Amino acid sequence: WIVPICVVLLLVHAGIASECETAVSLDVPSTTFGSSTLEPATIFTDCFGESTIEQVAWFVIQPPTNTLITVSTCGSCYDTVLSIYGSSCDSLQCLVVNDDTNVPCTSTQCEFSFLVSSLSFCATEESYFILLQGFQGETGDFKIIVEQGATCNSPANNECSSAQEITNSLLPVVSTFSNEFANGGSHFCLGVEESSHSLWYKIPGDIGTFVAHTCEFGTDFPTAIAVFSGACDALQCVASNAVNDNDCPLGLSYVTWCADEDTDYFIFVTGVDGSFGSG
């Protein structure tokens, strides 16, 4: 027997919500069109903790758990920024943010294909809020694409609070990793922004110079590394590959820093512009 199968892609012209509390519900998967041009400006706190006033659009999705979800603005006609939040509107927790993606955009609708946003994350909560804003307050016609991918399980060390601990007695240490299903965050250090695929490590300080790098031949995607001191709820930027990028192959990361005794250091390895792979 031959049974015809029909796959339906849901296309929606969206109503706009300028507040989280009235976020427009989107199906998974779906493609949604709209415009932010006529929306009133609202006050909100972005993923970097800065309060701003912009014309934005809020959406909410309820994806299947343990599923890789990709959200993009491919086909939008202005420079977009996407953020994903968990929790609830009265206690939003920024999970990941992306401005300009390096993921190819095949849409020819607009000339801004290199300024669109795309991010992926492993869904573990019941619902997620999507914030669409324009870079430096830009507005325009947008296209939101929500895609459902493979079943995924986030690695244990995809957040600072669950960082993989490395003791000094084990140094030097080589750790293999894959960040494909790792969720990201919004930490920033000296030009390095945490993307939607990041892994965390923790190492106690000792007097001397420390090095962290992804320069081994097995690393198959462009990486960035940032080093922080302190605690997860009060991280202090120490170093990143933005100022140590000449010591290993193009696209990989090499970071050095002077460590202090009795100081914990947290390191994240992330994919540039949301990229992922293994290393």
Protein backbone atom coordinates (compact mmCIF):
# COMPACT_ATOMS: atom_id res chain seq x y z
CA TRP A 1 0.00 0.00 0.00
CA ILE A 2 1.13 3.54 -0.71
CA VAL A 3 -0.18 6.12 1.72
CA PRO A 4 0.20 9.78 0.71
CA ILE A 5 1.66 11.98 3.42
CA CYS A 6 0.90 15.67 3.51
CA VAL A 7 3.23 17.99 5.45
CA VAL A 8 1.68 21.34 6.29
CA LEU A 9 3.79 24.39 7.10
CA LEU A 10 1.75 26.85 9.12
CA LEU A 11 2.01 30.41 7.83
CA VAL A 12 0.56 33.13 10.05
CA HIS A 13 0.33 36.90 9.91
CA ALA A 14 0.91 37.85 13.50
CA GLY A 15 -0.79 40.22 15.80
CA ILE A 16 1.87 42.08 17.74
CA ALA A 17 2.40 42.14 21.50
CA SER A 18 4.66 44.84 22.90
CA GLU A 19 4.52 43.36 26.42
CA CYS A 20 5.55 39.93 27.67
CA GLU A 21 2.22 39.45 29.44
CA THR A 22 0.35 39.60 26.12
CA ALA A 23 2.87 37.57 24.09
CA VAL A 24 1.47 36.05 20.89
CA SER A 25 1.46 32.25 20.96
CA LEU A 26 3.28 30.56 18.08
CA ASP A 27 2.98 26.94 17.02
CA VAL A 28 6.00 24.66 16.73
CA PRO A 29 6.82 24.54 13.87
CA SER A 30 5.50 27.72 12.25
CA THR A 31 6.36 30.69 10.06
CA THR A 32 4.96 34.07 11.08
CA PHE A 33 4.96 37.46 9.34
CA GLY A 34 4.41 40.87 10.89
CA SER A 35 5.69 44.41 11.33
CA SER A 36 7.04 46.24 14.35
CA THR A 37 6.95 49.68 12.72
CA LEU A 38 3.68 50.94 14.23
CA GLU A 39 4.08 49.38 17.68
CA PRO A 40 4.40 51.65 20.73
CA ALA A 41 7.81 51.80 22.37
CA THR A 42 7.99 49.92 25.67
CA ILE A 43 10.49 49.77 28.52
CA PHE A 44 12.17 46.42 29.07
CA THR A 45 15.42 44.93 30.37
CA ASP A 46 17.43 43.17 27.69
CA CYS A 47 19.57 40.05 28.01
CA PHE A 48 22.57 42.13 29.07
CA GLY A 49 20.71 43.66 32.00
CA GLU A 50 20.30 47.08 30.38
CA SER A 51 17.00 48.95 30.57
CA THR A 52 15.93 50.32 27.20
CA ILE A 53 12.91 51.74 25.36
CA GLU A 54 12.21 50.20 21.96
CA GLN A 55 9.48 48.94 19.65
CA VAL A 56 9.57 45.19 20.21
CA ALA A 57 7.44 42.10 19.67
CA TRP A 58 6.91 39.30 22.19
CA PHE A 59 5.98 35.70 21.35
CA VAL A 60 5.61 32.52 23.38
CA ILE A 61 6.07 28.89 22.35
CA GLN A 62 5.34 25.59 24.08
CA PRO A 63 7.70 23.11 22.43
CA PRO A 64 8.00 19.39 23.12
CA THR A 65 10.53 18.81 25.89
CA ASN A 66 14.02 17.53 25.10
CA THR A 67 13.70 18.79 21.53
CA LEU A 68 16.10 21.02 19.65
CA ILE A 69 14.30 24.26 18.76
CA THR A 70 15.59 26.80 16.23
CA VAL A 71 14.20 30.32 15.96
CA SER A 72 15.28 32.66 13.17
CA THR A 73 14.33 35.91 11.47
CA CYS A 74 15.51 34.85 8.02
CA GLY A 75 13.49 36.91 5.54
CA SER A 76 13.09 39.94 7.80
CA CYS A 77 13.66 43.37 6.28
CA TYR A 78 15.73 45.02 9.02
CA ASP A 79 18.62 44.31 11.40
CA THR A 80 17.07 42.08 14.07
CA VAL A 81 18.03 40.81 17.52
CA LEU A 82 16.47 37.65 19.00
CA SER A 83 16.35 36.69 22.68
CA ILE A 84 14.91 33.59 24.36
CA TYR A 85 13.64 33.77 27.93
CA GLY A 86 12.52 31.09 30.35
CA SER A 87 10.49 31.24 33.57
CA SER A 88 7.54 33.68 33.66
CA CYS A 89 6.94 37.29 32.67
CA ASP A 90 7.39 38.54 36.23
CA SER A 91 10.73 36.75 36.63
CA LEU A 92 12.17 36.42 33.12
CA GLN A 93 15.44 34.55 32.80
CA CYS A 94 17.43 35.24 29.65
CA LEU A 95 18.69 32.00 28.16
CA VAL A 96 20.30 33.04 24.89
CA VAL A 97 20.54 36.04 22.58
CA ASN A 98 21.72 36.49 18.99
CA ASP A 99 22.21 39.56 16.83
CA ASP A 100 23.76 38.60 13.49
CA THR A 101 23.95 34.92 12.59
CA ASN A 102 26.48 33.12 10.43
CA VAL A 103 23.86 30.51 9.49
CA PRO A 104 23.12 30.89 5.74
CA CYS A 105 19.81 32.61 4.99
CA THR A 106 18.38 31.59 1.63
CA SER A 107 15.53 34.11 1.58
CA THR A 108 15.72 36.72 -1.19
CA GLN A 109 12.79 38.75 0.13
CA CYS A 110 15.06 41.43 1.60
CA GLU A 111 18.63 42.63 1.28
CA PHE A 112 19.38 42.20 4.99
CA SER A 113 20.08 38.47 4.98
CA PHE A 114 23.43 38.98 6.71
CA LEU A 115 21.82 40.98 9.54
CA VAL A 116 19.17 38.46 10.56
CA SER A 117 19.23 36.44 13.77
CA SER A 118 19.15 32.71 14.43
CA LEU A 119 19.58 30.64 17.57
CA SER A 120 18.99 27.08 18.72
CA PHE A 121 18.40 25.61 22.16
CA CYS A 122 17.40 22.34 23.76
CA ALA A 123 13.89 22.79 25.17
CA THR A 124 13.62 21.53 28.74
CA GLU A 125 10.85 23.81 30.05
CA GLU A 126 7.14 23.94 29.29
CA SER A 127 7.21 27.34 27.60
CA TYR A 128 9.65 29.94 26.30
CA PHE A 129 9.28 33.63 25.50
CA ILE A 130 10.77 35.07 22.32
CA LEU A 131 11.71 38.76 22.21
CA LEU A 132 12.20 40.30 18.78
CA GLN A 133 13.84 43.70 18.71
CA GLY A 134 15.77 45.76 16.18
CA PHE A 135 19.45 46.54 16.48
CA GLN A 136 19.74 50.05 17.95
CA GLY A 137 15.96 50.38 17.83
CA GLU A 138 15.38 49.58 14.16
CA THR A 139 11.90 48.47 13.07
CA GLY A 140 10.41 46.91 9.97
CA ASP A 141 8.70 43.91 8.43
CA PHE A 142 9.74 40.66 10.07
CA LYS A 143 9.51 36.94 9.53
CA ILE A 144 9.78 34.57 12.51
CA ILE A 145 10.56 30.93 11.75
CA VAL A 146 10.24 28.33 14.52
CA GLU A 147 11.61 24.88 13.69
CA GLN A 148 11.55 21.62 15.62
CA GLY A 149 14.65 19.45 15.38
CA ALA A 150 15.92 16.19 16.79
CA THR A 151 15.51 14.86 20.29
CA CYS A 152 18.23 16.32 22.49
CA ASN A 153 19.63 16.16 25.97
CA SER A 154 21.59 19.14 27.21
CA PRO A 155 25.07 18.34 28.57
CA ALA A 156 25.40 18.64 32.34
CA ASN A 157 27.82 21.58 32.16
CA ASN A 158 25.85 23.89 29.86
CA GLU A 159 25.34 26.45 32.64
CA CYS A 160 27.73 28.20 35.01
CA SER A 161 25.99 26.72 38.04
CA SER A 162 26.73 23.20 36.79
CA ALA A 163 30.24 23.85 35.46
CA GLN A 164 32.52 20.84 35.11
CA GLU A 165 35.19 21.10 37.81
CA ILE A 166 38.85 20.59 36.95
CA THR A 167 41.33 20.31 39.82
CA ASN A 168 44.85 21.69 39.64
CA SER A 169 46.29 18.25 40.32
CA LEU A 170 44.97 17.12 36.92
CA LEU A 171 46.57 19.93 34.92
CA PRO A 172 47.30 19.99 32.10
CA VAL A 173 44.05 18.32 31.09
CA VAL A 174 42.52 17.63 27.68
CA SER A 175 38.72 17.48 27.61
CA THR A 176 36.70 16.43 24.57
CA PHE A 177 33.28 18.01 24.11
CA SER A 178 30.27 18.55 21.90
CA ASN A 179 28.14 21.66 22.27
CA GLU A 180 25.42 20.75 19.75
CA PHE A 181 22.65 20.40 22.34
CA ALA A 182 24.07 22.84 24.88
CA ASN A 183 21.92 25.81 25.80
CA GLY A 184 23.52 29.21 26.00
CA GLY A 185 23.24 32.40 27.99
CA SER A 186 23.99 36.09 27.85
CA HIS A 187 27.38 36.48 29.50
CA PHE A 188 29.83 38.85 27.86
CA CYS A 189 33.56 39.41 28.29
CA LEU A 190 35.93 41.62 26.26
CA GLY A 191 34.15 41.23 22.96
CA VAL A 192 33.11 37.60 23.43
CA GLU A 193 29.37 36.94 23.72
CA GLU A 194 27.99 33.64 24.98
CA SER A 195 25.96 32.02 22.21
CA SER A 196 23.19 29.46 22.14
CA HIS A 197 25.68 26.59 22.46
CA SER A 198 28.08 26.94 25.39
CA LEU A 199 29.84 24.71 27.91
CA TRP A 200 31.21 25.75 31.31
CA TYR A 201 34.25 24.68 33.31
CA LYS A 202 35.47 25.63 36.79
CA ILE A 203 39.05 25.64 37.98
CA PRO A 204 40.53 26.80 41.32
CA GLY A 205 43.18 29.46 41.02
CA ASP A 206 46.84 29.13 41.86
CA ILE A 207 49.63 31.65 41.45
CA GLY A 208 50.84 31.58 37.87
CA THR A 209 49.73 31.85 34.25
CA PHE A 210 46.91 29.66 33.02
CA VAL A 211 46.00 28.77 29.43
CA ALA A 212 42.72 27.52 27.95
CA HIS A 213 42.42 26.78 24.24
CA THR A 214 40.58 24.83 21.54
CA CYS A 215 43.57 24.69 19.18
CA GLU A 216 43.57 20.91 18.76
CA PHE A 217 42.91 19.60 15.24
CA GLY A 218 39.74 17.84 16.42
CA THR A 219 37.85 21.12 16.91
CA ASP A 220 35.56 21.43 13.91
CA PHE A 221 33.70 24.73 14.46
CA PRO A 222 34.63 28.37 15.21
CA THR A 223 34.94 28.83 18.96
CA ALA A 224 35.24 31.60 21.51
CA ILE A 225 36.43 31.35 25.12
CA ALA A 226 35.86 33.68 28.06
CA VAL A 227 37.25 33.48 31.59
CA PHE A 228 35.58 34.91 34.68
CA SER A 229 36.37 35.08 38.38
CA GLY A 230 33.99 35.20 41.33
CA ALA A 231 30.70 33.32 41.60
CA CYS A 232 28.05 32.45 39.02
CA ASP A 233 25.68 35.13 40.25
CA ALA A 234 28.42 37.80 40.23
CA LEU A 235 30.92 36.91 37.51
CA GLN A 236 33.82 39.26 36.79
CA CYS A 237 35.34 39.25 33.30
CA VAL A 238 39.04 38.30 33.33
CA ALA A 239 40.07 37.42 29.77
CA SER A 240 38.77 36.19 26.43
CA ASN A 241 40.05 35.12 23.06
CA ALA A 242 39.20 38.56 21.72
CA VAL A 243 42.61 39.70 22.96
CA ASN A 244 44.46 36.38 22.54
CA ASP A 245 43.50 35.28 19.05
CA ASN A 246 46.90 34.97 17.36
CA ASP A 247 48.19 31.79 18.92
CA CYS A 248 46.14 29.13 17.17
CA PRO A 249 44.44 28.43 13.81
CA LEU A 250 41.88 30.83 12.43
CA GLY A 251 38.50 30.39 14.04
CA LEU A 252 39.79 28.65 17.18
CA SER A 253 40.52 30.13 20.60
CA TYR A 254 43.53 30.61 22.88
CA VAL A 255 43.28 32.49 26.18
CA THR A 256 45.88 33.21 28.87
CA TRP A 257 45.39 34.85 32.24
CA CYS A 258 47.31 35.46 35.46
CA ALA A 259 45.60 33.54 38.24
CA ASP A 260 45.43 34.39 41.92
CA GLU A 261 45.54 31.87 44.70
CA ASP A 262 42.23 30.99 46.39
CA THR A 263 40.18 32.39 43.48
CA ASP A 264 37.75 30.27 41.47
CA TYR A 265 37.72 30.77 37.72
CA PHE A 266 34.84 29.94 35.40
CA ILE A 267 35.45 29.33 31.70
CA PHE A 268 32.91 29.04 28.93
CA VAL A 269 33.55 27.62 25.48
CA THR A 270 30.96 28.77 22.99
CA GLY A 271 30.28 28.68 19.27
CA VAL A 272 30.75 31.90 17.32
CA ASP A 273 27.37 33.26 16.16
CA GLY A 274 25.53 30.18 17.38
CA SER A 275 27.72 27.60 15.63
CA PHE A 276 28.25 24.17 17.17
CA GLY A 277 30.33 21.04 16.75
CA SER A 278 32.85 18.98 18.67
CA GLY A 279 36.39 19.44 19.85
